[in-house]
Amino acid sequence: MITNRFISYACVFSLSSVTGSAFATMTYLDEASFTSALGGATTTLESFEEPPVDNSSPLVFPTVEVSCDGSEWCSGFFGTSTVMPTDGSFGVYFSTPDSITFTFSSPITAFAIDVGDLGTRGATDFSATLSNGNSATLFTGFTGTPDNQAFVGLIDTTEFTSITFQGSAPNDGIYFDSMQTALVTAVPEPHTYALLLAGLGLLGMTHFQKRQTGTAAIQQ
């Protein structure tokens, strides 16, 4: 009885781990890994090459609206810029402690962007919050040299229509360019399949033991 109960608990744990993992937000800090995870899904590239007439919030581009949220720097340090573009001549920028939000016209599940000059005002925790309620910490205690460039990407199995970036270090001017978006279903990581197989195996063992116990009882 104790053995069967232990196996049942183990099955529940394994299968619940699969469920939780399947809905995790997967993050990527290099473009090759992100591209591989897309599995061939078509991406849309926004290079911010059609800058709005002025830098008021939101900035309206063909594929996205970019808005500044906060009162510290939004009125004076936000908009399009020719500083540190990675694709074309323009990018967008903001500064902490304010945040920046990218809002899309249709739902997506994959997002990536180049991030410049991050962490030059001291160690920062750089995170993202999605409109579906999920969030991810992309860097912890990151300190960057002037004009540093980083890549951040994420894939979520739940669709979202906006993503907001925050940094913990104040007065940290951050630049963005070369935004990629896609609608793709994220596949579970290899360890997820291992947990699933373990759970199914334990369930099968439990069922077999119950049948053996029932057969023994009948024979008696």
Protein backbone atom coordinates (compact mmCIF):
# COMPACT_ATOMS: atom_id res chain seq x y z
CA MET A 1 0.00 0.00 0.00
CA ILE A 2 2.82 2.41 0.90
CA THR A 3 4.65 1.54 -2.31
CA ASN A 4 1.56 2.15 -4.44
CA ARG A 5 0.89 5.45 -2.69
CA PHE A 6 4.48 6.57 -3.27
CA ILE A 7 4.25 5.68 -6.94
CA SER A 8 1.00 7.61 -7.28
CA TYR A 9 2.56 10.69 -5.70
CA ALA A 10 5.55 10.38 -8.01
CA CYS A 11 3.26 10.17 -11.04
CA VAL A 12 1.40 13.29 -10.01
CA PHE A 13 4.68 15.15 -9.48
CA SER A 14 6.12 14.08 -12.82
CA LEU A 15 3.02 14.95 -14.83
CA SER A 16 2.49 18.26 -13.04
CA SER A 17 6.11 19.15 -13.78
CA VAL A 18 5.45 18.51 -17.47
CA THR A 19 2.39 20.75 -17.39
CA GLY A 20 4.26 23.57 -15.66
CA SER A 21 7.26 23.32 -17.93
CA ALA A 22 5.14 23.31 -21.08
CA PHE A 23 3.80 26.76 -20.20
CA ALA A 24 7.10 28.32 -19.15
CA THR A 25 8.52 31.36 -20.88
CA MET A 26 11.74 30.24 -22.52
CA THR A 27 14.46 32.91 -22.80
CA TYR A 28 17.39 33.15 -25.22
CA LEU A 29 20.50 35.31 -25.02
CA ASP A 30 21.98 34.46 -28.41
CA GLU A 31 20.31 34.72 -31.79
CA ALA A 32 21.35 31.29 -33.04
CA SER A 33 19.54 29.51 -30.20
CA PHE A 34 16.45 31.67 -30.67
CA THR A 35 16.36 31.02 -34.42
CA SER A 36 16.73 27.29 -33.85
CA ALA A 37 13.88 27.28 -31.32
CA LEU A 38 11.57 28.96 -33.83
CA GLY A 39 11.56 25.73 -35.81
CA GLY A 40 11.30 27.43 -39.19
CA ALA A 41 8.45 29.77 -38.24
CA THR A 42 8.21 32.93 -40.33
CA THR A 43 9.48 36.01 -38.51
CA THR A 44 8.62 39.67 -39.05
CA LEU A 45 11.50 42.14 -38.78
CA GLU A 46 11.03 45.71 -37.57
CA SER A 47 14.09 47.94 -37.98
CA PHE A 48 12.37 51.20 -36.94
CA GLU A 49 13.39 52.78 -40.27
CA GLU A 50 10.16 54.74 -40.64
CA PRO A 51 10.42 57.10 -37.66
CA PRO A 52 7.33 59.05 -36.60
CA VAL A 53 7.17 62.80 -37.12
CA ASP A 54 7.90 63.45 -33.43
CA ASN A 55 9.06 61.42 -30.44
CA SER A 56 5.84 61.58 -28.47
CA SER A 57 4.52 58.36 -26.94
CA PRO A 58 3.45 56.07 -28.52
CA LEU A 59 5.73 55.81 -31.53
CA VAL A 60 3.76 54.18 -34.34
CA PHE A 61 5.65 51.89 -36.72
CA PRO A 62 4.30 49.52 -39.39
CA THR A 63 4.40 46.45 -37.11
CA VAL A 64 4.44 47.84 -33.57
CA GLU A 65 3.62 50.76 -31.30
CA VAL A 66 6.34 51.72 -28.83
CA SER A 67 5.39 53.62 -25.69
CA CYS A 68 7.26 55.01 -22.69
CA ASP A 69 5.75 54.38 -19.27
CA GLY A 70 6.75 56.62 -16.39
CA SER A 71 7.50 60.23 -15.57
CA GLU A 72 11.26 60.38 -14.90
CA TRP A 73 12.66 60.37 -18.45
CA CYS A 74 9.77 59.70 -20.85
CA SER A 75 9.23 63.36 -21.65
CA GLY A 76 12.86 64.05 -22.53
CA PHE A 77 14.75 60.80 -23.19
CA PHE A 78 12.58 58.59 -25.38
CA GLY A 79 12.02 58.17 -29.10
CA THR A 80 13.93 57.22 -32.24
CA SER A 81 17.68 57.57 -32.42
CA THR A 82 20.64 57.06 -34.74
CA VAL A 83 22.73 55.92 -31.76
CA MET A 84 23.76 52.25 -31.83
CA PRO A 85 21.46 50.88 -34.57
CA THR A 86 22.14 47.25 -35.51
CA ASP A 87 20.01 47.16 -38.66
CA GLY A 88 19.61 50.30 -40.74
CA SER A 89 20.00 53.84 -39.41
CA PHE A 90 17.45 54.11 -36.59
CA GLY A 91 16.46 52.44 -33.33
CA VAL A 92 14.35 53.35 -30.31
CA TYR A 93 15.46 54.19 -26.78
CA PHE A 94 14.35 54.99 -23.23
CA SER A 95 15.85 55.25 -19.75
CA THR A 96 15.13 53.63 -16.40
CA PRO A 97 13.43 53.87 -13.93
CA ASP A 98 10.76 54.31 -16.61
CA SER A 99 9.81 51.30 -18.73
CA ILE A 100 9.24 50.74 -22.44
CA THR A 101 6.39 48.76 -24.00
CA PHE A 102 6.15 47.20 -27.46
CA THR A 103 2.52 46.60 -28.50
CA PHE A 104 1.64 44.48 -31.54
CA SER A 105 -1.40 44.59 -33.81
CA SER A 106 -1.89 40.82 -33.58
CA PRO A 107 -0.88 38.15 -31.02
CA ILE A 108 2.58 36.60 -31.11
CA THR A 109 4.41 33.92 -29.15
CA ALA A 110 8.02 34.75 -30.03
CA PHE A 111 9.91 38.02 -29.62
CA ALA A 112 13.55 39.06 -29.93
CA ILE A 113 15.43 42.34 -30.07
CA ASP A 114 18.95 43.80 -29.93
CA VAL A 115 19.65 45.74 -26.73
CA GLY A 116 22.39 48.37 -26.57
CA ASP A 117 24.21 50.21 -23.78
CA LEU A 118 22.57 48.16 -21.02
CA GLY A 119 23.95 48.32 -17.49
CA THR A 120 26.33 51.24 -17.94
CA ARG A 121 24.95 52.98 -14.82
CA GLY A 122 25.68 50.04 -12.56
CA ALA A 123 24.63 46.43 -12.13
CA THR A 124 21.05 45.96 -13.30
CA ASP A 125 18.37 43.30 -13.35
CA PHE A 126 16.75 43.48 -16.78
CA SER A 127 13.33 41.86 -17.07
CA ALA A 128 10.30 41.60 -19.33
CA THR A 129 6.58 41.37 -18.57
CA LEU A 130 4.14 39.99 -21.14
CA SER A 131 0.49 40.96 -21.60
CA ASN A 132 -0.49 37.33 -20.87
CA GLY A 133 0.74 37.74 -17.28
CA ASN A 134 4.02 35.87 -17.68
CA SER A 135 7.38 37.47 -16.96
CA ALA A 136 11.06 36.67 -17.32
CA THR A 137 14.32 37.97 -15.88
CA LEU A 138 16.74 38.25 -18.78
CA PHE A 139 19.83 39.50 -16.92
CA THR A 140 20.68 39.57 -13.22
CA GLY A 141 23.32 42.00 -11.93
CA PHE A 142 24.42 42.83 -15.48
CA THR A 143 27.12 45.50 -15.82
CA GLY A 144 27.87 46.67 -19.34
CA THR A 145 30.70 48.61 -20.91
CA PRO A 146 29.77 51.71 -22.94
CA ASP A 147 28.13 50.85 -26.28
CA ASN A 148 27.77 47.17 -25.37
CA GLN A 149 25.35 45.11 -27.45
CA ALA A 150 23.21 42.21 -26.24
CA PHE A 151 20.53 39.99 -27.73
CA VAL A 152 17.39 38.96 -25.87
CA GLY A 153 14.64 36.67 -27.06
CA LEU A 154 11.78 34.69 -25.60
CA ILE A 155 9.16 32.18 -26.69
CA ASP A 156 5.93 31.57 -24.78
CA THR A 157 3.26 28.98 -25.50
CA THR A 158 0.58 31.52 -24.52
CA GLU A 159 -0.01 34.29 -27.03
CA PHE A 160 0.68 37.88 -26.01
CA THR A 161 0.14 41.28 -27.61
CA SER A 162 2.67 43.41 -25.75
CA ILE A 163 5.96 43.18 -23.89
CA THR A 164 7.32 45.66 -21.34
CA PHE A 165 10.99 45.97 -20.37
CA GLN A 166 12.24 47.23 -17.00
CA GLY A 167 15.69 47.73 -15.53
CA SER A 168 16.56 47.98 -11.84
CA ALA A 169 19.47 50.45 -12.17
CA PRO A 170 18.20 54.06 -12.38
CA ASN A 171 19.13 56.46 -15.20
CA ASP A 172 20.26 53.64 -17.49
CA GLY A 173 19.74 54.73 -21.11
CA ILE A 174 18.91 51.66 -23.24
CA TYR A 175 18.70 51.36 -27.03
CA PHE A 176 16.76 48.81 -29.10
CA ASP A 177 16.84 47.74 -32.74
CA SER A 178 16.20 44.82 -35.09
CA MET A 179 13.00 43.51 -33.48
CA GLN A 180 11.81 40.04 -34.52
CA THR A 181 8.31 38.65 -33.91
CA ALA A 182 6.64 35.37 -34.80
CA LEU A 183 3.67 33.18 -33.98
CA VAL A 184 5.02 29.76 -33.07
CA THR A 185 4.16 27.03 -30.60
CA ALA A 186 7.05 26.45 -28.21
CA VAL A 187 8.00 22.80 -27.87
CA PRO A 188 8.82 21.29 -24.45
CA GLU A 189 12.47 20.96 -23.52
CA PRO A 190 14.07 17.46 -23.63
CA HIS A 191 13.82 17.07 -19.84
CA THR A 192 10.07 17.56 -20.16
CA TYR A 193 9.79 14.47 -22.33
CA ALA A 194 11.87 12.54 -19.80
CA LEU A 195 9.47 13.53 -17.01
CA LEU A 196 6.50 12.56 -19.16
CA LEU A 197 7.93 9.12 -19.91
CA ALA A 198 8.79 8.61 -16.23
CA GLY A 199 5.26 9.55 -15.21
CA LEU A 200 3.68 7.23 -17.77
CA GLY A 201 6.00 4.43 -16.72
CA LEU A 202 5.07 4.81 -13.06
CA LEU A 203 1.38 4.86 -13.94
CA GLY A 204 1.84 1.64 -15.91
CA MET A 205 3.64 0.03 -12.96
CA THR A 206 0.85 1.04 -10.60
CA HIS A 207 -1.79 -0.42 -12.92
CA PHE A 208 0.20 -3.66 -13.24
CA GLN A 209 0.56 -4.03 -9.47
CA LYS A 210 -3.15 -3.46 -8.95
CA ARG A 211 -3.96 -6.19 -11.47
CA GLN A 212 -1.52 -8.56 -9.77
CA THR A 213 -3.07 -7.83 -6.37
CA GLY A 214 -6.57 -8.41 -7.76
CA THR A 215 -5.53 -11.71 -9.35
CA ALA A 216 -3.94 -12.91 -6.10
CA ALA A 217 -7.10 -12.04 -4.18
CA ILE A 218 -9.26 -14.04 -6.60
CA GLN A 219 -6.98 -17.07 -6.38
CA GLN A 220 -7.20 -17.01 -2.60
